Amino acid sequence: MFRYCILLFLALSFAAEAAPKNTNHHVILITIDGAAAFYFNDPKAPIPNLRKLAVEGVVAEGMKVSNPAVTWPNHTTLVTGVTPAKHSVLYNGLMVPDKRGELQRDQEKDKDVLVTAPTVYDLLHREGFTTAAINWPCTQNPKTLDDNFPDAPNPLRDGSQKLVQDLIAAKILESANDAAFRNQSPTKRDDIWTDAACYLLRTRPPNFMLFHLLYTDGTQHRVGPQCPETYEALGLADQQIGKLLDTLDKNGLRERTSILIVADHGFVRVHKQIVGNVLLRKAMLLETTDKQARVQAISEGGSLMVYLHAKATKDADRKKVIEIFKNHEGVAEIIEPKDFAEYGYPSPEKNFQMADLVVAARDGYSFSGLMMGDQTIVPAREGGTGSHGFLSTNPKMNAIFIASGRGILKGKTIGIIDNIDIAPTAAYLLGQNFRSADGKVLKQILETP
């Protein structure tokens, strides 16, 4: 009898967590690339749709991102609810050894190769919900997205072919030619992705949709944050989100839809760059020849990922690299493997992509990828430029967070949240428990937690 009661309790508990497979509820997770939290209260930012959503819902003081604070790793954290220590995405692509044994970025890798943790759309698809992604990183050839237009080198080749043909028929795409799509201007590509998302909402609205706008990132890299051009880019993103909201209204979906608007990272204005490779070359740790370098350094903007390739001299090289960088202009700190877990990095022993040391830049500096020359500090472009990849403890890396719509409280402001909480919250809004996530459901934003 006792055993029967336990089994009955577990069955009822599971049933309580499961949602009907034919649900008419929807969740849309939107990322505005590089939309720092500080933009929400910036009076120069022309974002009326975002501010209206916040009034109608919840806005956070900011959302802490994962290390490294770059696009693909953080988009993956947003859908897995775990840091790169578990999901393994450390770059905008997979780092693979070349013929010399040095790591090079390869972006043409499938989702199942890049991502080593379950995603929330994997869970939802398995439970019978419909799923879609528009310009979402690390979604090349997934098995659990019903409609997909990936952030990948060849998105039309590696996306959902039915969706590609439908978008051509709807005159949203001119053709299935990836080269022609890549040749479109950045603003035009954001327009196409927006029209593709709206098309899906009109014709076969998914229960769960991922949507990523990109122009805001490229603009800030070029001119820096909080510049006239950046405000214009934010205004365009706000208009595109407004277009999605209009589509929801016109198709009777707004009352049944929860909207989560976030970003993958913030931005820092950079005035100087540290040329790490020149420092290593001068110390005879790096050679610009066909021979493998003893030390390889890869810039992630505000962080430098340092690899120690020579096993015979690894300990000596580690000490030398630390000595080179520890008191150098613009360097904030050097993180060693014993501290990687604290920052959400994997162990190099468990993930070959992970560096042996991480050198973090101070605010106002970033790392250059230059190899040649003699200067170890060079000026950024005139007027300063923008970068990310700084440690997530830098408040300028905090991303925007707005939630609105079905199930969301109205008119509430909360403090700093963590981006590992987004995936379990999205699952919860559709009645599901995302057990593999390390994050928690943001019950403080919900009408009925």
Foldseek 3Di string as FASTA:
>chain_A
DVVVVVVVVVVVVVVLLAFDLPDLFAEEEEAEAQFALVLVPDPLFQQVLQVVQCQQFEWESFAFFAFQLDAQQRLLLLFQLAHCQQQVAHDCADWDQDPQGGTDGDQPDALVVRTRGDTLLNVSQVSNFAEEEFQRGSHFQDPRHPFYQYVGQQSLVRTDVVLQVVCCVVVLDVHSDSVVLVPDDLLSNLVSSLVSQLVCLQPPPTRYYYGYRYPLPVQQQAQNPPDPVNSVVSNSVSVSVVVSVVSCVVRVNQQRYKYKYKYSWHKFWAWKEFALLLLCVVVVQQDPDSHDGQKDWDFQWQKIFIAGDDPVCRVVVVVVSCVSPVPDPFWDDKDAQVCQVVRSHHHCVVHVRHGRMMIGGDGRYTYDPDNDDNDRMDTDPPNTGMHGSGRSVPSSTTMIIGMHHHFFDRRYYHYYHYSSQNNQQSSVSSSHGSVSRPHHHPCVGGPHD
